[in-house]
Structures are given as C-alpha cells and as structure tokens.
Amino acid sequence: MRLARSARGATLVEFAIVTPVLLLLLLGGLETCHTMYVRSALTGSLQKAARDLSLEGASSSVRVDAITASVTTAVHQIMPGADVRLVAKSYHDYSNAANPAEEYNDADHDGRCDHGEAFVDSNRNGAWDADGSVSGRGGARDVVLLVATASYNRLGLTALLPSARQKVLTAKTLIRNQPNDQQADPPMGYCS
C-alpha cells in the first residue's frame, strides 16, 4: 500500500509518456527542414544554371550537360545519394510555354486539328502537336523551360515507412535565350 501512495515514480511515468511525442516532433521537424534545404539547393542551382544556359557561347548539348552536372553537384553536397535529372524544352515565346499546344485555326469548331486547317508548326516537325516544344536549348530568343527532379531516400522515421521511403522534389524555371541572332518565325502547316 505504501507503494501506491508514493509519488516518487510519477515523474518517470510522465517522462515515458511525453518523450516519444517530443522525439516524433523533433525528428519530423528535422526532416521537414532537410527537405526544405534540399529543395532550396535544387531551385537555386537550377536558376543559376538557367541564367548560364541563356548566355551565348557553347552548343546546346554542351550547355545542358554542364547544367545537369552543376545542379547534380549542388544537390549531392547535401544529399549524396540523390538521383538528379534535368529536362530542357524550348518554346517560341512565353505564351507557348504556358500553353504548349501548337496554335491552329479550328474552322469546323470540332476541337481538333484536321481537314486541312492551318496551324503554327512551332517545333518544325510537319505535324500538329499537343506539345509544340523542342527538346534542348532552342535558338535565339526562344524561351527555355528547365525542369530538375531530385529523388532520394528519406532520412529519419519516414524511412521506416515502406510507402514513403522515396522523396521526389521538382524545380522548374523559365528563361529567354539571349538575342544573339534573330528569332526564326515558325512555319505554317496544314492538318491532315
């Protein structure tokens, strides 16, 4: 009976109840901060790389490869095992980047490019496309959409959950190439 009336062990019981909750909050906060840090490194390095890409100088493939290496290096300084991928698409202007479908004159109002309707062949492939982008850097004054994706295994408690082990972060930026030459107007095409 003396043990039931004693309050000496109450602190230990309270500590045992509160500690898991505090640890969960602390580890969750650390993981959230780490994710924000990786995201800011990915976004910052992508924006710097985009500015470098828009400058005159090297060929398109050299620039995209150099930018991929630059973004990968920045992310690997924080998360060494991350898989970083970069996709570059170029558009004629910002409105084409926002609405990538090639413009066409829908004469019969059926919502499709068909029956000889005229369209602007932005990617110069001779056919109407739902996405009129060109892979890579593009040409003078083109707008380049860069999308960087970093995938890595999470840290902390989330890594124990099988469905949430992989974290995928994406950063996007748009930039216009320097006008080192006149921008070529896209040709007109006709839908079949």
N, C-alpha and C. Protein backbone atom coordinates (compact mmCIF):
# COMPACT_ATOMS: atom_id res chain seq x y z
N MET A 1 0.81 -1.20 0.00
CA MET A 1 0.00 0.00 0.00
C MET A 1 0.85 1.27 0.00
N ARG A 2 2.01 1.17 0.63
CA ARG A 2 2.86 2.34 0.65
C ARG A 2 3.31 2.72 -0.76
N LEU A 3 3.52 1.74 -1.60
CA LEU A 3 3.96 1.99 -2.97
C LEU A 3 2.88 2.70 -3.79
N ALA A 4 1.63 2.39 -3.59
CA ALA A 4 0.53 3.02 -4.33
C ALA A 4 0.38 4.48 -3.94
N ARG A 5 0.70 4.82 -2.71
CA ARG A 5 0.56 6.22 -2.28
C ARG A 5 1.80 7.05 -2.58
N SER A 6 2.88 6.44 -2.97
CA SER A 6 4.12 7.15 -3.22
C SER A 6 4.05 7.90 -4.56
N ALA A 7 4.53 9.13 -4.61
CA ALA A 7 4.54 9.96 -5.81
C ALA A 7 5.93 10.04 -6.43
N ARG A 8 6.88 9.28 -5.90
CA ARG A 8 8.26 9.38 -6.35
C ARG A 8 8.45 8.90 -7.79
N GLY A 9 7.68 7.98 -8.29
CA GLY A 9 7.83 7.46 -9.64
C GLY A 9 6.96 8.16 -10.67
N ALA A 10 6.17 9.14 -10.26
CA ALA A 10 5.25 9.83 -11.18
C ALA A 10 6.01 10.57 -12.27
N THR A 11 7.12 11.16 -11.96
CA THR A 11 7.90 11.90 -12.95
C THR A 11 8.41 10.96 -14.04
N LEU A 12 8.85 9.80 -13.65
CA LEU A 12 9.35 8.83 -14.61
C LEU A 12 8.24 8.37 -15.56
N VAL A 13 7.05 8.16 -15.05
CA VAL A 13 5.91 7.77 -15.88
C VAL A 13 5.54 8.90 -16.84
N GLU A 14 5.51 10.12 -16.35
CA GLU A 14 5.19 11.27 -17.20
C GLU A 14 6.24 11.42 -18.30
N PHE A 15 7.50 11.25 -17.95
CA PHE A 15 8.58 11.35 -18.93
C PHE A 15 8.44 10.26 -19.99
N ALA A 16 8.07 9.06 -19.60
CA ALA A 16 7.89 7.96 -20.54
C ALA A 16 6.73 8.22 -21.51
N ILE A 17 5.74 8.96 -21.08
CA ILE A 17 4.60 9.29 -21.95
C ILE A 17 4.94 10.44 -22.89
N VAL A 18 5.64 11.44 -22.41
CA VAL A 18 5.91 12.65 -23.18
C VAL A 18 7.09 12.46 -24.15
N THR A 19 8.08 11.68 -23.81
CA THR A 19 9.30 11.55 -24.62
C THR A 19 9.03 11.08 -26.05
N PRO A 20 8.24 10.05 -26.31
CA PRO A 20 8.01 9.64 -27.71
C PRO A 20 7.36 10.75 -28.55
N VAL A 21 6.45 11.49 -27.95
CA VAL A 21 5.80 12.58 -28.69
C VAL A 21 6.81 13.66 -29.03
N LEU A 22 7.64 14.04 -28.07
CA LEU A 22 8.65 15.06 -28.32
C LEU A 22 9.67 14.60 -29.36
N LEU A 23 10.10 13.35 -29.28
CA LEU A 23 11.03 12.83 -30.27
C LEU A 23 10.42 12.81 -31.67
N LEU A 24 9.16 12.43 -31.76
CA LEU A 24 8.47 12.42 -33.05
C LEU A 24 8.40 13.84 -33.63
N LEU A 25 8.06 14.82 -32.81
CA LEU A 25 8.02 16.21 -33.28
C LEU A 25 9.40 16.70 -33.69
N LEU A 26 10.41 16.38 -32.91
CA LEU A 26 11.77 16.81 -33.21
C LEU A 26 12.27 16.19 -34.51
N LEU A 27 12.13 14.89 -34.67
CA LEU A 27 12.59 14.22 -35.89
C LEU A 27 11.78 14.65 -37.11
N GLY A 28 10.48 14.84 -36.94
CA GLY A 28 9.65 15.33 -38.05
C GLY A 28 10.06 16.73 -38.48
N GLY A 29 10.35 17.58 -37.51
CA GLY A 29 10.81 18.93 -37.82
C GLY A 29 12.15 18.93 -38.53
N LEU A 30 13.07 18.08 -38.08
CA LEU A 30 14.38 17.98 -38.74
C LEU A 30 14.24 17.49 -40.17
N GLU A 31 13.37 16.52 -40.40
CA GLU A 31 13.19 16.02 -41.76
C GLU A 31 12.55 17.07 -42.66
N THR A 32 11.59 17.80 -42.12
CA THR A 32 10.97 18.88 -42.89
C THR A 32 12.00 19.94 -43.26
N CYS A 33 12.83 20.32 -42.32
CA CYS A 33 13.87 21.31 -42.60
C CYS A 33 14.87 20.79 -43.63
N HIS A 34 15.22 19.52 -43.54
CA HIS A 34 16.15 18.93 -44.51
C HIS A 34 15.54 18.95 -45.91
N THR A 35 14.28 18.59 -46.02
CA THR A 35 13.60 18.62 -47.32
C THR A 35 13.57 20.03 -47.89
N MET A 36 13.29 21.01 -47.04
CA MET A 36 13.28 22.41 -47.50
C MET A 36 14.68 22.83 -47.96
N TYR A 37 15.70 22.37 -47.28
CA TYR A 37 17.08 22.71 -47.64
C TYR A 37 17.46 22.10 -48.99
N VAL A 38 17.12 20.83 -49.21
CA VAL A 38 17.40 20.19 -50.49
C VAL A 38 16.62 20.88 -51.60
N ARG A 39 15.35 21.23 -51.33
CA ARG A 39 14.53 21.92 -52.34
C ARG A 39 15.14 23.29 -52.70
N SER A 40 15.61 24.03 -51.71
CA SER A 40 16.20 25.34 -51.99
C SER A 40 17.51 25.20 -52.76
N ALA A 41 18.30 24.17 -52.46
CA ALA A 41 19.54 23.94 -53.22
C ALA A 41 19.21 23.58 -54.67
N LEU A 42 18.20 22.74 -54.86
CA LEU A 42 17.79 22.34 -56.20
C LEU A 42 17.28 23.55 -56.99
N THR A 43 16.42 24.33 -56.38
CA THR A 43 15.85 25.50 -57.06
C THR A 43 16.92 26.55 -57.34
N GLY A 44 17.75 26.85 -56.36
CA GLY A 44 18.79 27.86 -56.54
C GLY A 44 19.80 27.47 -57.61
N SER A 45 20.25 26.22 -57.59
CA SER A 45 21.22 25.79 -58.59
C SER A 45 20.59 25.74 -59.98
N LEU A 46 19.30 25.39 -60.06
CA LEU A 46 18.62 25.37 -61.35
C LEU A 46 18.49 26.79 -61.92
N GLN A 47 18.15 27.75 -61.07
CA GLN A 47 18.01 29.13 -61.55
C GLN A 47 19.35 29.70 -62.00
N LYS A 48 20.42 29.41 -61.27
CA LYS A 48 21.74 29.87 -61.69
C LYS A 48 22.13 29.20 -63.00
N ALA A 49 21.86 27.92 -63.10
CA ALA A 49 22.18 27.19 -64.32
C ALA A 49 21.38 27.72 -65.51
N ALA A 50 20.13 28.10 -65.27
CA ALA A 50 19.30 28.65 -66.34
C ALA A 50 19.87 29.97 -66.85
N ARG A 51 20.35 30.79 -65.94
CA ARG A 51 20.98 32.05 -66.37
C ARG A 51 22.21 31.75 -67.22
N ASP A 52 23.00 30.75 -66.82
CA ASP A 52 24.18 30.38 -67.60
C ASP A 52 23.79 29.82 -68.97
N LEU A 53 22.70 29.06 -69.03
CA LEU A 53 22.25 28.46 -70.27
C LEU A 53 21.83 29.52 -71.29
N SER A 54 21.26 30.61 -70.81
CA SER A 54 20.73 31.61 -71.73
C SER A 54 21.82 32.45 -72.39
N LEU A 55 23.04 32.36 -71.90
CA LEU A 55 24.15 33.13 -72.47
C LEU A 55 24.62 32.54 -73.79
N GLU A 56 25.24 33.40 -74.60
CA GLU A 56 25.80 32.93 -75.86
C GLU A 56 27.06 32.12 -75.58
N GLY A 57 27.44 31.25 -76.51
CA GLY A 57 28.70 30.54 -76.32
C GLY A 57 28.68 29.13 -76.83
N ALA A 58 28.57 28.17 -75.91
CA ALA A 58 28.69 26.75 -76.25
C ALA A 58 27.44 26.22 -76.95
N SER A 59 27.57 25.02 -77.45
CA SER A 59 26.44 24.39 -78.14
C SER A 59 25.38 23.96 -77.13
N SER A 60 24.22 23.64 -77.64
CA SER A 60 23.08 23.28 -76.79
C SER A 60 23.36 22.05 -75.93
N SER A 61 23.91 20.99 -76.53
CA SER A 61 24.15 19.76 -75.76
C SER A 61 25.21 19.96 -74.69
N VAL A 62 26.25 20.74 -75.00
CA VAL A 62 27.29 21.01 -74.01
C VAL A 62 26.71 21.78 -72.84
N ARG A 63 25.88 22.75 -73.13
CA ARG A 63 25.29 23.56 -72.06
C ARG A 63 24.36 22.73 -71.18
N VAL A 64 23.50 21.94 -71.78
CA VAL A 64 22.56 21.14 -70.99
C VAL A 64 23.32 20.13 -70.14
N ASP A 65 24.37 19.52 -70.69
CA ASP A 65 25.18 18.58 -69.91
C ASP A 65 25.88 19.29 -68.76
N ALA A 66 26.42 20.47 -69.01
CA ALA A 66 27.10 21.23 -67.96
C ALA A 66 26.13 21.66 -66.87
N ILE A 67 24.93 22.04 -67.26
CA ILE A 67 23.93 22.45 -66.28
C ILE A 67 23.49 21.26 -65.44
N THR A 68 23.29 20.12 -66.08
CA THR A 68 22.93 18.91 -65.33
C THR A 68 24.01 18.59 -64.31
N ALA A 69 25.27 18.68 -64.70
CA ALA A 69 26.38 18.42 -63.77
C ALA A 69 26.40 19.44 -62.64
N SER A 70 26.13 20.70 -62.95
CA SER A 70 26.12 21.75 -61.93
C SER A 70 25.01 21.54 -60.90
N VAL A 71 23.81 21.24 -61.37
CA VAL A 71 22.68 21.02 -60.46
C VAL A 71 22.91 19.75 -59.64
N THR A 72 23.43 18.70 -60.28
CA THR A 72 23.71 17.45 -59.57
C THR A 72 24.74 17.67 -58.47
N THR A 73 25.79 18.42 -58.76
CA THR A 73 26.82 18.70 -57.76
C THR A 73 26.24 19.45 -56.57
N ALA A 74 25.41 20.44 -56.83
CA ALA A 74 24.81 21.22 -55.74
C ALA A 74 23.93 20.35 -54.84
N VAL A 75 23.15 19.47 -55.44
CA VAL A 75 22.26 18.61 -54.65
C VAL A 75 23.07 17.53 -53.92
N HIS A 76 24.10 16.99 -54.57
CA HIS A 76 24.90 15.94 -53.95
C HIS A 76 25.71 16.44 -52.76
N GLN A 77 25.96 17.75 -52.67
CA GLN A 77 26.64 18.28 -51.50
C GLN A 77 25.78 18.13 -50.25
N ILE A 78 24.47 18.11 -50.43
CA ILE A 78 23.55 17.97 -49.30
C ILE A 78 23.05 16.53 -49.18
N MET A 79 22.73 15.92 -50.31
CA MET A 79 22.16 14.57 -50.32
C MET A 79 22.95 13.73 -51.32
N PRO A 80 24.05 13.09 -50.89
CA PRO A 80 24.95 12.40 -51.82
C PRO A 80 24.30 11.31 -52.67
N GLY A 81 23.30 10.63 -52.20
CA GLY A 81 22.71 9.53 -52.95
C GLY A 81 21.58 9.93 -53.87
N ALA A 82 21.34 11.21 -54.04
CA ALA A 82 20.19 11.67 -54.83
C ALA A 82 20.39 11.39 -56.32
N ASP A 83 19.29 11.05 -56.99
CA ASP A 83 19.27 10.88 -58.44
C ASP A 83 18.70 12.17 -59.02
N VAL A 84 19.52 12.92 -59.76
CA VAL A 84 19.10 14.22 -60.29
C VAL A 84 18.96 14.11 -61.80
N ARG A 85 17.83 14.56 -62.31
CA ARG A 85 17.57 14.56 -63.76
C ARG A 85 17.14 15.96 -64.18
N LEU A 86 17.53 16.33 -65.39
CA LEU A 86 17.19 17.65 -65.91
C LEU A 86 16.59 17.49 -67.30
N VAL A 87 15.48 18.16 -67.54
CA VAL A 87 14.84 18.17 -68.85
C VAL A 87 14.76 19.61 -69.32
N ALA A 88 15.19 19.85 -70.55
CA ALA A 88 15.14 21.19 -71.13
C ALA A 88 14.25 21.14 -72.37
N LYS A 89 13.25 22.03 -72.41
CA LYS A 89 12.37 22.15 -73.57
C LYS A 89 12.34 23.62 -73.96
N SER A 90 12.36 23.89 -75.25
CA SER A 90 12.30 25.29 -75.68
C SER A 90 11.00 25.56 -76.43
N TYR A 91 10.53 26.78 -76.26
CA TYR A 91 9.29 27.25 -76.88
C TYR A 91 9.58 28.56 -77.61
N HIS A 92 8.72 28.92 -78.52
CA HIS A 92 8.90 30.15 -79.30
C HIS A 92 8.80 31.39 -78.41
N ASP A 93 7.86 31.39 -77.48
CA ASP A 93 7.71 32.53 -76.57
C ASP A 93 7.05 32.06 -75.27
N TYR A 94 6.85 33.00 -74.34
CA TYR A 94 6.29 32.64 -73.04
C TYR A 94 4.86 32.11 -73.15
N SER A 95 4.07 32.64 -74.07
CA SER A 95 2.69 32.16 -74.20
C SER A 95 2.66 30.70 -74.67
N ASN A 96 3.61 30.31 -75.53
CA ASN A 96 3.69 28.91 -75.95
C ASN A 96 4.13 28.01 -74.79
N ALA A 97 4.97 28.53 -73.91
CA ALA A 97 5.41 27.74 -72.75
C ALA A 97 4.25 27.53 -71.78
N ALA A 98 3.38 28.54 -71.65
CA ALA A 98 2.23 28.43 -70.74
C ALA A 98 1.16 27.52 -71.33
N ASN A 99 0.98 27.58 -72.65
CA ASN A 99 0.00 26.75 -73.34
C ASN A 99 0.73 26.05 -74.49
N PRO A 100 1.32 24.86 -74.23
CA PRO A 100 2.25 24.27 -75.19
C PRO A 100 1.64 23.73 -76.49
N ALA A 101 0.33 23.60 -76.57
CA ALA A 101 -0.27 23.08 -77.81
C ALA A 101 -0.04 24.08 -78.94
N GLU A 102 0.31 23.55 -80.11
CA GLU A 102 0.53 24.42 -81.26
C GLU A 102 -0.80 25.06 -81.66
N GLU A 103 -0.74 26.35 -81.96
CA GLU A 103 -1.95 27.09 -82.33
C GLU A 103 -2.45 26.61 -83.69
N TYR A 104 -3.78 26.53 -83.82
CA TYR A 104 -4.36 26.17 -85.11
C TYR A 104 -5.70 26.88 -85.28
N ASN A 105 -6.13 26.98 -86.53
CA ASN A 105 -7.39 27.61 -86.87
C ASN A 105 -8.46 26.52 -86.96
N ASP A 106 -9.29 26.42 -85.93
CA ASP A 106 -10.32 25.37 -85.87
C ASP A 106 -11.55 25.84 -86.67
N ALA A 107 -11.47 25.72 -87.99
CA ALA A 107 -12.53 26.23 -88.87
C ALA A 107 -13.86 25.52 -88.66
N ASP A 108 -13.85 24.22 -88.39
CA ASP A 108 -15.11 23.49 -88.24
C ASP A 108 -15.54 23.35 -86.77
N HIS A 109 -14.82 23.97 -85.85
CA HIS A 109 -15.17 24.03 -84.42
C HIS A 109 -15.39 22.65 -83.79
N ASP A 110 -14.56 21.68 -84.19
CA ASP A 110 -14.70 20.35 -83.58
C ASP A 110 -13.66 20.08 -82.50
N GLY A 111 -12.79 21.07 -82.21
CA GLY A 111 -11.79 20.92 -81.16
C GLY A 111 -10.58 20.09 -81.56
N ARG A 112 -10.45 19.79 -82.86
CA ARG A 112 -9.31 19.01 -83.36
C ARG A 112 -8.71 19.71 -84.56
N CYS A 113 -7.43 19.46 -84.76
CA CYS A 113 -6.74 19.99 -85.94
C CYS A 113 -6.86 18.94 -87.03
N ASP A 114 -7.78 19.17 -87.98
CA ASP A 114 -8.00 18.20 -89.05
C ASP A 114 -8.55 18.90 -90.29
N HIS A 115 -8.72 18.18 -91.36
CA HIS A 115 -9.34 18.66 -92.61
C HIS A 115 -8.64 19.88 -93.19
N GLY A 116 -7.31 19.88 -93.21
CA GLY A 116 -6.56 20.95 -93.84
C GLY A 116 -6.54 22.26 -93.09
N GLU A 117 -6.87 22.27 -91.81
CA GLU A 117 -6.83 23.50 -91.02
C GLU A 117 -5.37 23.93 -90.82
N ALA A 118 -5.13 25.23 -90.88
CA ALA A 118 -3.77 25.76 -90.74
C ALA A 118 -3.34 25.77 -89.28
N PHE A 119 -2.05 25.48 -89.04
CA PHE A 119 -1.50 25.55 -87.69
C PHE A 119 -0.08 26.10 -87.74
N VAL A 120 0.37 26.62 -86.61
CA VAL A 120 1.73 27.14 -86.48
C VAL A 120 2.61 25.97 -86.03
N ASP A 121 3.55 25.58 -86.87
CA ASP A 121 4.41 24.43 -86.58
C ASP A 121 5.62 24.87 -85.74
N SER A 122 5.39 25.06 -84.45
CA SER A 122 6.42 25.60 -83.55
C SER A 122 7.67 24.74 -83.49
N ASN A 123 7.52 23.43 -83.53
CA ASN A 123 8.69 22.56 -83.42
C ASN A 123 9.21 22.08 -84.78
N ARG A 124 8.61 22.58 -85.85
CA ARG A 124 9.06 22.34 -87.22
C ARG A 124 9.16 20.85 -87.58
N ASN A 125 8.19 20.05 -87.13
CA ASN A 125 8.23 18.63 -87.46
C ASN A 125 7.21 18.26 -88.54
N GLY A 126 6.44 19.23 -89.03
CA GLY A 126 5.50 18.99 -90.11
C GLY A 126 4.15 18.45 -89.69
N ALA A 127 3.93 18.30 -88.38
CA ALA A 127 2.65 17.78 -87.88
C ALA A 127 2.21 18.60 -86.68
N TRP A 128 0.88 18.68 -86.47
CA TRP A 128 0.36 19.39 -85.30
C TRP A 128 0.64 18.55 -84.06
N ASP A 129 1.07 19.21 -82.98
CA ASP A 129 1.39 18.51 -81.73
C ASP A 129 0.69 19.18 -80.56
N ALA A 130 0.29 18.36 -79.59
CA ALA A 130 -0.30 18.90 -78.36
C ALA A 130 0.76 19.62 -77.54
N ASP A 131 2.03 19.27 -77.73
CA ASP A 131 3.14 19.97 -77.09
C ASP A 131 4.12 20.37 -78.18
N GLY A 132 4.15 21.64 -78.51
CA GLY A 132 4.98 22.14 -79.60
C GLY A 132 6.39 22.47 -79.20
N SER A 133 6.88 21.89 -78.11
CA SER A 133 8.24 22.21 -77.65
C SER A 133 9.28 21.45 -78.46
N VAL A 134 10.50 21.95 -78.37
CA VAL A 134 11.66 21.30 -78.96
C VAL A 134 12.57 20.91 -77.81
N SER A 135 13.06 19.69 -77.82
CA SER A 135 13.95 19.24 -76.76
C SER A 135 15.27 20.01 -76.83
N GLY A 136 15.76 20.44 -75.68
CA GLY A 136 17.04 21.15 -75.64
C GLY A 136 16.90 22.64 -75.47
N ARG A 137 17.96 23.35 -75.79
CA ARG A 137 18.09 24.78 -75.53
C ARG A 137 17.31 25.66 -76.49
N GLY A 138 17.07 25.22 -77.69
CA GLY A 138 16.37 26.05 -78.67
C GLY A 138 17.32 27.04 -79.33
N GLY A 139 16.74 28.07 -79.90
CA GLY A 139 17.52 29.06 -80.62
C GLY A 139 17.46 30.43 -79.99
N ALA A 140 17.83 31.43 -80.77
CA ALA A 140 17.86 32.81 -80.30
C ALA A 140 16.47 33.24 -79.86
N ARG A 141 16.41 33.86 -78.72
CA ARG A 141 15.19 34.43 -78.14
C ARG A 141 14.11 33.40 -77.80
N ASP A 142 14.41 32.13 -77.93
CA ASP A 142 13.44 31.11 -77.51
C ASP A 142 13.34 31.09 -75.99
N VAL A 143 12.21 30.65 -75.48
CA VAL A 143 12.01 30.51 -74.04
C VAL A 143 12.28 29.06 -73.67
N VAL A 144 13.16 28.86 -72.70
CA VAL A 144 13.56 27.51 -72.30
C VAL A 144 12.93 27.18 -70.95
N LEU A 145 12.23 26.05 -70.90
CA LEU A 145 11.68 25.53 -69.66
C LEU A 145 12.64 24.46 -69.16
N LEU A 146 13.20 24.69 -67.97
CA LEU A 146 14.08 23.70 -67.35
C LEU A 146 13.35 23.08 -66.18
N VAL A 147 13.33 21.76 -66.13
CA VAL A 147 12.70 21.03 -65.04
C VAL A 147 13.75 20.09 -64.45
N ALA A 148 14.07 20.31 -63.17
CA ALA A 148 15.03 19.45 -62.47
C ALA A 148 14.26 18.61 -61.46
N THR A 149 14.57 17.33 -61.41
CA THR A 149 13.93 16.41 -60.47
C THR A 149 15.02 15.71 -59.67
N ALA A 150 14.88 15.74 -58.35
CA ALA A 150 15.81 15.05 -57.46
C ALA A 150 15.04 14.00 -56.68
N SER A 151 15.51 12.76 -56.74
CA SER A 151 14.89 11.66 -56.00
C SER A 151 15.92 11.12 -55.02
N TYR A 152 15.49 10.92 -53.79
CA TYR A 152 16.41 10.37 -52.79
C TYR A 152 15.62 9.64 -51.71
N ASN A 153 16.32 8.78 -50.98
CA ASN A 153 15.71 8.07 -49.87
C ASN A 153 15.65 8.99 -48.67
N ARG A 154 14.51 9.01 -48.03
CA ARG A 154 14.31 9.89 -46.88
C ARG A 154 15.19 9.48 -45.71
N LEU A 155 15.33 10.42 -44.79
CA LEU A 155 16.06 10.18 -43.56
C LEU A 155 15.07 10.00 -42.42
N GLY A 156 15.55 9.61 -41.28
CA GLY A 156 14.73 9.60 -40.07
C GLY A 156 13.64 8.56 -40.06
N LEU A 157 12.57 8.89 -39.33
CA LEU A 157 11.48 7.94 -39.12
C LEU A 157 10.70 7.62 -40.39
N THR A 158 10.62 8.56 -41.30
CA THR A 158 9.86 8.33 -42.53
C THR A 158 10.49 7.22 -43.36
N ALA A 159 11.79 7.04 -43.24
CA ALA A 159 12.47 5.98 -43.99
C ALA A 159 12.00 4.59 -43.56
N LEU A 160 11.40 4.50 -42.39
CA LEU A 160 10.90 3.21 -41.91
C LEU A 160 9.58 2.82 -42.55
N LEU A 161 8.87 3.79 -43.11
CA LEU A 161 7.59 3.51 -43.76
C LEU A 161 7.84 3.10 -45.21
N PRO A 162 7.42 1.92 -45.63
CA PRO A 162 7.72 1.47 -46.99
C PRO A 162 7.11 2.35 -48.08
N SER A 163 5.96 2.93 -47.83
CA SER A 163 5.30 3.73 -48.87
C SER A 163 5.89 5.13 -48.99
N ALA A 164 6.67 5.56 -48.02
CA ALA A 164 7.17 6.94 -48.03
C ALA A 164 8.69 7.00 -48.04
N ARG A 165 9.36 5.94 -48.45
CA ARG A 165 10.83 5.94 -48.42
C ARG A 165 11.43 6.91 -49.42
N GLN A 166 10.86 6.99 -50.61
CA GLN A 166 11.42 7.80 -51.68
C GLN A 166 10.81 9.19 -51.65
N LYS A 167 11.64 10.21 -51.71
CA LYS A 167 11.18 11.60 -51.78
C LYS A 167 11.58 12.15 -53.14
N VAL A 168 10.64 12.77 -53.84
CA VAL A 168 10.90 13.35 -55.15
C VAL A 168 10.60 14.84 -55.08
N LEU A 169 11.60 15.65 -55.40
CA LEU A 169 11.45 17.10 -55.42
C LEU A 169 11.62 17.58 -56.86
N THR A 170 10.81 18.55 -57.25
CA THR A 170 10.87 19.09 -58.60
C THR A 170 11.00 20.60 -58.55
N ALA A 171 11.85 21.14 -59.40
CA ALA A 171 12.01 22.59 -59.53
C ALA A 171 11.89 22.93 -61.01
N LYS A 172 11.22 24.06 -61.30
CA LYS A 172 11.04 24.49 -62.68
C LYS A 172 11.42 25.96 -62.80
N THR A 173 11.92 26.32 -63.97
CA THR A 173 12.18 27.73 -64.24
C THR A 173 12.09 27.97 -65.75
N LEU A 174 11.72 29.18 -66.10
CA LEU A 174 11.65 29.61 -67.50
C LEU A 174 12.64 30.74 -67.71
N ILE A 175 13.33 30.72 -68.83
CA ILE A 175 14.25 31.81 -69.14
C ILE A 175 14.33 31.98 -70.65
N ARG A 176 14.48 33.23 -71.09
CA ARG A 176 14.58 33.51 -72.53
C ARG A 176 16.05 33.57 -72.92
N ASN A 177 16.40 32.91 -74.03
CA ASN A 177 17.77 32.94 -74.53
C ASN A 177 18.15 34.34 -74.96
N GLN A 178 19.43 34.65 -74.86
CA GLN A 178 19.90 35.96 -75.29
C GLN A 178 19.71 36.10 -76.80
N PRO A 179 19.42 37.31 -77.23
CA PRO A 179 19.19 37.53 -78.67
C PRO A 179 20.49 37.65 -79.45
N ASN A 180 21.24 36.54 -79.54
CA ASN A 180 22.47 36.58 -80.31
C ASN A 180 22.21 36.55 -81.82
N ASP A 181 20.98 36.37 -82.19
CA ASP A 181 20.59 36.31 -83.59
C ASP A 181 19.09 36.61 -83.65
N GLN A 182 18.56 36.77 -84.82
CA GLN A 182 17.13 36.97 -84.96
C GLN A 182 16.41 35.64 -84.75
N GLN A 183 15.28 35.71 -84.07
CA GLN A 183 14.49 34.50 -83.85
C GLN A 183 13.74 34.16 -85.14
N ALA A 184 13.85 32.92 -85.55
CA ALA A 184 13.16 32.48 -86.76
C ALA A 184 11.68 32.27 -86.46
N ASP A 185 10.82 32.78 -87.34
CA ASP A 185 9.39 32.55 -87.17
C ASP A 185 9.06 31.11 -87.55
N PRO A 186 8.19 30.47 -86.77
CA PRO A 186 7.83 29.09 -87.10
C PRO A 186 6.99 29.05 -88.38
N PRO A 187 7.15 28.00 -89.18
CA PRO A 187 6.39 27.91 -90.43
C PRO A 187 4.93 27.51 -90.16
N MET A 188 4.10 27.71 -91.16
CA MET A 188 2.71 27.27 -91.10
C MET A 188 2.63 25.85 -91.65
N GLY A 189 1.71 25.09 -91.11
CA GLY A 189 1.47 23.74 -91.59
C GLY A 189 -0.03 23.54 -91.76
N TYR A 190 -0.40 22.42 -92.31
CA TYR A 190 -1.82 22.13 -92.52
C TYR A 190 -2.12 20.74 -91.97
N CYS A 191 -3.17 20.66 -91.19
CA CYS A 191 -3.56 19.39 -90.56
C CYS A 191 -4.12 18.44 -91.61
N SER A 192 -3.91 17.17 -91.37
CA SER A 192 -4.44 16.18 -92.32
C SER A 192 -5.67 15.50 -91.75
